[in-house]
Every structure is written in C-alpha cells, then in structure tokens.
Amino acid sequence: MTGLRRLAKIASMFGVTGGTVFIIKKNDWEISTVGALRFGRAAVTAARIVCDYKMTMYHLNPEDEQYADKRSQLHTRSAVRLRELCCANGGAFIKVGQHLGALDYLLPAEYVQTLKVLHSEAPQSSLEDLYSVIEEDLGKKVSEIFTTFDPQPLGAASLAQVHKATLRDGRVVAVKVQHVKVKAHSFVDIKTMEILVKLVAWLFPDFQYVWLAEETKKNLPLELDFLNEGRNCERVGRMFKHFRFLKVPAIYWDLSSERVLTMEFCEGGKVDNRDYMTKHGISVNEVTRSLGKLYSEMIFVHGYVHCDPHPGNVLVKKTDQGVEISLLDHGLYQSLTDEFRVNYSKLWMSLINADQKGIKHYSSLMNAGDLYPLFACMLTARSWTAVSSGIANKEFSAKEGEEIKSSVADYFPQISQILNRIPRQMLLLLKTNDVLRSIEHSLKTRSNATSFINMSRCCIRSVGQYELQHCQSRMCKIRVSINTHWHLFVISVYEFSLWLQSTVMGQTFSRIFKHRVI
C-alpha cells in the first residue's frame, strides 16, 4: 500500500488528479511513462525551438535577398524537432502533430509537409501488448475469440491500431486496439501542452495557439473511449441512411470495450488513391461529389460532423450498385449549435454569391472582425481576388495556389489571431475542410459549380428549417416554406442549364447562337 500511495503522490505532483481520472492498467508503467521525463523532453524541445526563432529572427533582415530562404530553413528545423518530439512521446503528441499537419493554408508549408508524415508513420504496438489489452478488457484469451488475427496492422494511428481478424463463426472483422500506454500518458501530456503553449504564447505574442491545447484537452478523453466511437458510428449510419453510397461498419458490442472496438471489416482503396480508382473503373469526380454531398449535409443540415476524414479513414470500392464509400474512425465529431450552423450557412451563401457585405457581416459574427477578408480566404483556400469575384465562377489555378502558400508565412500572426478568436466549433471545421481539399488535390479534382450547387442546397435547407422552427404564425410558416422551395427550384433550374450546356445538343445550340450573333 505504501508503494501505491507514493505513486499516487507522484502522480498528483504532475497534475494527474484534476477533473479527469484515468485508471492505470497493468504494463502501463515504463520509464517513458513518467511525467517528469515526458514533460522534460517536451520542455527541452520547446526551449530549442524558441531560442532558434529568437536568435535567427533577430539577425534576419526582411530586406535581405536570402530572407525567405533562411526563414524557410528555420521553419523546417523547428518542424523536424517538433516531429521528433511527437514520435518520442507518442500518443497525444502525435495526435496534435497530425492535426497541425492537416492545416494546409493555415500554417507555414514547412510545418505542414514535415508533420504530414505522422499520418502514415505513427508508431506500432507489439502483438504482446495488443493481446494484453484485448484479454484484460474482454476477459478471454485471444485464441478463444478469434481463429485468425493478422499480425500486420491495417493501419496504425496515434491512439490505436487496427488488425484484420476472423471470429470463431467465420465472420471477418476489424479490431481496433488502443496502444497500451496511451491512457497512462494522456493526462500528463495534455497538462504539458497547456503549460508549454502558454509559455510560448507569452514569449511570442504573435503565437496564439492556446486553442490547440484546449481542444486536445476537450476531445482526447472522448477519442480514448471506443464505446463512444461505436455510438457515433451507429448514429451516423442512421442519420445518413438515405445516401446509398455510404457505408459505416457494424459494431460488435459483445466484443468491444473502452479500449477495444470490434467492427465489420470494410474493403476498398484509400480515397486519395487515384491509380486504384482508375484501375477499378471508379470516377474520381463521382467520389468527390459524393463526399461533398455527405459533408454538406453533416455541416449545414445536421450540425454533426465527422472531423477526421483523412485518406486512411475513407475507403472506396466499386459494387454492383455503384461506388461505395466507407467512413471509418468515428472517434472525433463536432456538434454545431443551431445558431452557429445557420450563420455558417449564410456565410457560405455569401461566399458563393460574392456578396461582400454578407461576407463581412457573417464573418463578424464569427469574431473575425476587420480580418474578415483573410478569414474568407482561410475558409475557401482561395485568394481574396477569387473570393470577391465569385469562387464558383473563377477557376482555381496553380499560380493562385502558390500565391496562397507563399503568403501564409507573411500573414502568420493574423492567422494565429483569427484562430484564437473564432468560435471553437469552427476550429475542427477548418481542419476538416483542409483534409477534404487535400483529397481533392490528390485526385486532381477541385470544387466546381456542381459542388457549390450541392452546398447551396444544404445551406438553403438549413436556413429554411431554422426559420420554420422560429415562426410564430401559420402565415410565417407558409412564407418561409414558399421562399425555401423557390430558392431550391432556382438552383435546380441553374443545375439543369449547366447540364444542358455540357450535352452535345446544348453545345450545338450554343455554337449556332454564337454564329448568328457574330
């Protein structure tokens, strides 16, 4: 008992007793689990990065021809140190590194490119460790549950890894098992991040990423509870059952726990694998169009958003009924309030219609203030020139993309300021938008008129439903209903005209009309 009391006292010294309590399982303790060591490793890395920035930037002259190159080298050095820290501490640190690696157009490109590899190079647990978690949580030997258990993981992430297995009745399943020491590490890691991020923000007033530690503190306990993930999975299956292309895995509740999730095995290629789609006759445009429909409904209509659609979590395959998209990893969701969802819908309608007054107004409701043009660019990943002239009308070009990437470093303080001011609900949406755009980039597709039409429909439905709920009279409900259906009809007519223009008949009429006009 004395030893346990001593361990409890040491744990309390490093902040393991406040608010959230994690039960430490057997085999959780090793030298890297000790809070002092993990905190020390993070503190040393943060100190090296801070000193490097202070010393390098002090000697840099913005007028120097080599200024941009030297600043880029500084960003790269710091990003590599951060990546090494994430790999050394693992768990929550890798989770945050993956989050940063998904923030295209919000962070300097050097950070994004360096940290992106964490999505595919997360450390793996040994089979011995995985078996100990399964047997401890499910109360049976692995051999009693599975006839086969593939030692090679289908995927390894920051918090867990997934293996293909066969149940004794012959059903093929995917088994998600939490890394054995993640829960033991997590609370100390969150406290460490909070302290260091606040310290760096104090040393660098332009660095305002306290929100990152706060969001991790809020979301990580939910992601560590696999029963919560299973409930999310079933909820989404019910919510979007009208999408025939969508598949979510069935959950085997009798073989699941907080650290083990047994689910239906889903096959397919990763959603960013263009070669796989070409080989199997899958239309990349159909895939991105379907994803756009799904996420537009999630965000604007239901306000319940799957926030981790990176390629490993979205599989596609060809079936007799058409293209099937499997959505995996349901641990991280963002629930949007009705007020936020409606204002966000109106903001996107303003962005699509190049309504600058609307963009300014609804951006202000998101606390963007005078930085609303930059906020609009962050949302759309387009230049202000494109936004102000209509993102649905102006094609995205490689030149515009390079211009945006090169300007991120110049506007880093303002971007940091916006991220610290906007509603917390917006933060995961920005990450989700960037991951979806990254998929489009890999597939060599881009948001076009059709995708904006689908988004507009969802925005109109969202606003219409909200206004109907707040109508006090029958006349108000009739007016709102007619107005909503009219706008949806106009969009359908516009969509039909675009389709007609793309047909042979439409192109023929267009040439005849053009010839007569000339």
Foldseek 3Di string as FASTA:
>chain_A
DVVVVVVVVQCVVLPQPPDDHDDADPPQDDPLLRLVVLLVLVVVLLVVLLVLCVVQVVPADPVDPCRLVSVLVSLLVSLLSLQVSCQSNFALSLVLLCLQLLQPLLDAPSNNVSSVCSQADGDDDAPVQQQVQQCVFLVDGPVQFFVDWDRDFPGAHRFWTWTWTAGPVGAIKIKTFGRNNNSSRPVSVLSSCLVSQVVVCVVPVLFQVNLSSVVSVVQVVLLLFVVSLLVLQVVLCVVPVVLVQEDEWHWDVSSDGRGMTITHDDDAAFLLPQVRCVVQVADNVVSLLSVLLSQLCCQQPQQKHQLDNARSQWGWHADPVGIHIYGHRRRDIFHDDLVLSLLVLQCLVCQQVLPVVSQQVSVVVQVLHPVSLVVSCLLQVFHSVCSNVGVQPDDDDPVRNVVSSSCSVVCNSSSSVSVNRGDSSVSSVSSSSSSSVVSCVSNVHDDYNSSSLSSNLSSLNSNLVVQCVVDPDPVSNVVSVVVSVVVNVVSVVVVVLVVLCPDPNNVVVVVVVVVVVD
